[in-house]
Structure formats: structure tokens, C-alpha cells
Protein backbone atom coordinates (compact mmCIF):
# COMPACT_ATOMS: atom_id res chain seq x y z
CA MET A 1 20.28 -0.97 8.18
CA LYS A 2 17.47 -3.43 8.89
CA TYR A 3 13.93 -2.73 10.01
CA LYS A 4 11.36 -5.20 11.29
CA GLN A 5 7.89 -4.19 10.11
CA LYS A 6 4.47 -5.79 10.61
CA LEU A 7 2.20 -6.27 7.63
CA THR A 8 -1.05 -4.27 7.76
CA LYS A 9 -4.34 -5.51 6.28
CA ILE A 10 -5.63 -3.25 3.51
CA GLY A 11 -8.84 -4.68 2.04
CA ASN A 12 -7.99 -8.12 0.63
CA SER A 13 -4.27 -7.24 0.50
CA VAL A 14 -1.55 -6.45 3.00
CA GLY A 15 0.86 -3.53 3.10
CA VAL A 16 4.15 -2.79 4.77
CA VAL A 17 5.21 0.57 6.19
CA ILE A 18 8.49 1.88 4.76
CA PRO A 19 10.34 3.86 7.46
CA LYS A 20 11.14 7.53 6.80
CA GLU A 21 14.90 6.89 6.83
CA ILE A 22 14.58 4.47 3.90
CA ARG A 23 12.08 6.69 2.06
CA ASP A 24 14.52 9.58 2.35
CA ILE A 25 17.41 7.53 0.95
CA PHE A 26 15.41 6.51 -2.12
CA GLU A 27 13.49 9.78 -2.41
CA ILE A 28 10.08 8.08 -2.38
CA SER A 29 6.83 9.16 -0.78
CA ALA A 30 3.14 8.22 -0.74
CA GLY A 31 2.10 7.61 -4.34
CA SER A 32 5.59 6.63 -5.55
CA GLU A 33 5.69 3.50 -7.71
CA VAL A 34 7.80 0.55 -6.61
CA PHE A 35 8.14 -2.89 -8.18
CA LEU A 36 8.04 -6.12 -6.14
CA GLU A 37 9.59 -9.40 -7.19
CA PRO A 38 10.43 -12.62 -5.35
CA SER A 39 14.13 -13.23 -4.81
CA ARG A 40 15.69 -16.31 -6.39
CA LEU A 41 17.81 -16.74 -3.27
CA GLY A 42 15.14 -17.67 -0.80
CA LYS A 43 12.26 -16.14 1.10
CA SER A 44 12.93 -12.51 0.22
CA ILE A 45 11.07 -9.82 -1.66
CA ILE A 46 13.01 -7.35 -3.76
CA ILE A 47 11.56 -3.85 -3.87
CA ASN A 48 12.86 -1.94 -6.86
CA VAL A 49 12.46 1.82 -6.74
CA GLU A 50 12.35 3.16 -10.28
CA SER A 51 14.15 6.40 -9.37
CA LEU A 52 17.13 4.30 -8.25
CA GLY A 53 17.87 3.58 -11.91
CA LYS A 54 18.45 7.28 -12.46
CA LYS A 55 21.21 7.36 -9.84
CA ILE A 56 23.10 4.20 -10.80
CA ASP A 57 24.60 3.46 -14.20
CA PRO A 58 22.34 1.07 -16.18
CA GLN A 59 25.43 -0.97 -17.09
CA PHE A 60 25.75 -1.85 -13.41
CA PHE A 61 22.21 -3.28 -13.40
CA ASN A 62 23.01 -5.28 -16.55
CA LEU A 63 26.15 -6.66 -14.90
CA VAL A 64 24.23 -7.68 -11.76
CA LYS A 65 21.53 -9.34 -13.89
CA SER A 66 24.20 -11.21 -15.87
CA ILE A 67 25.89 -12.45 -12.68
CA ASP A 68 22.52 -13.48 -11.25
CA ASN A 69 21.65 -15.42 -14.41
CA GLN A 70 25.03 -17.15 -14.47
CA TYR A 71 25.40 -17.96 -10.78
CA SER A 72 21.85 -18.03 -9.36
CA GLN A 73 21.92 -21.77 -8.67
CA ALA A 74 25.28 -21.59 -6.84
CA LEU A 75 24.16 -18.55 -4.85
CA LYS A 76 20.88 -20.30 -3.94
CA GLN A 77 22.83 -23.32 -2.66
CA LEU A 78 25.17 -21.11 -0.63
CA ALA A 79 22.22 -19.21 0.86
CA SER A 80 20.56 -22.44 1.99
CA LYS A 81 23.59 -23.59 4.00
């Protein structure tokens, strides 16, 4: 599932609208906290929804982080090709 969204000016910042279908999947609404971080694999932004951690085993996140740390350079090179 992919959505194309336009950024909206909000004061000196910009915001992006998160479609209802995605909000429903992650059980988030106005006022929910999310965390943004730049992806190591290119021009992407990762949006981490804190409640997601309650649904997925924390060991899984540790495994993904370990793989990212070990192979981030190789994955970055693959992504650029």
C-alpha cells in the first residue's frame, strides 16, 4: 500500500496527512506521538509509531537493528543501483 501525499505548510514547518487506512492499521489519531528518522538507505523518512512496539516482539526490533548495523553499507549500495 503506497500513498502519495503533498506536504502542507504549518507555520515554519510542514506536515503530511496520514490517510485513514494507515491510521486505522496503526491505531493512531490526532495527538498520537510518532517518531521520525532519516533512513540510512536513501531519501526516505521512517515513521515509528510507538504503539507498534506493543504488537511486535521487541526481540524482532533488536534483530532488525542488528541486521541494519551489520549490513547497512551493503544495503545502501544495493539501493543505489
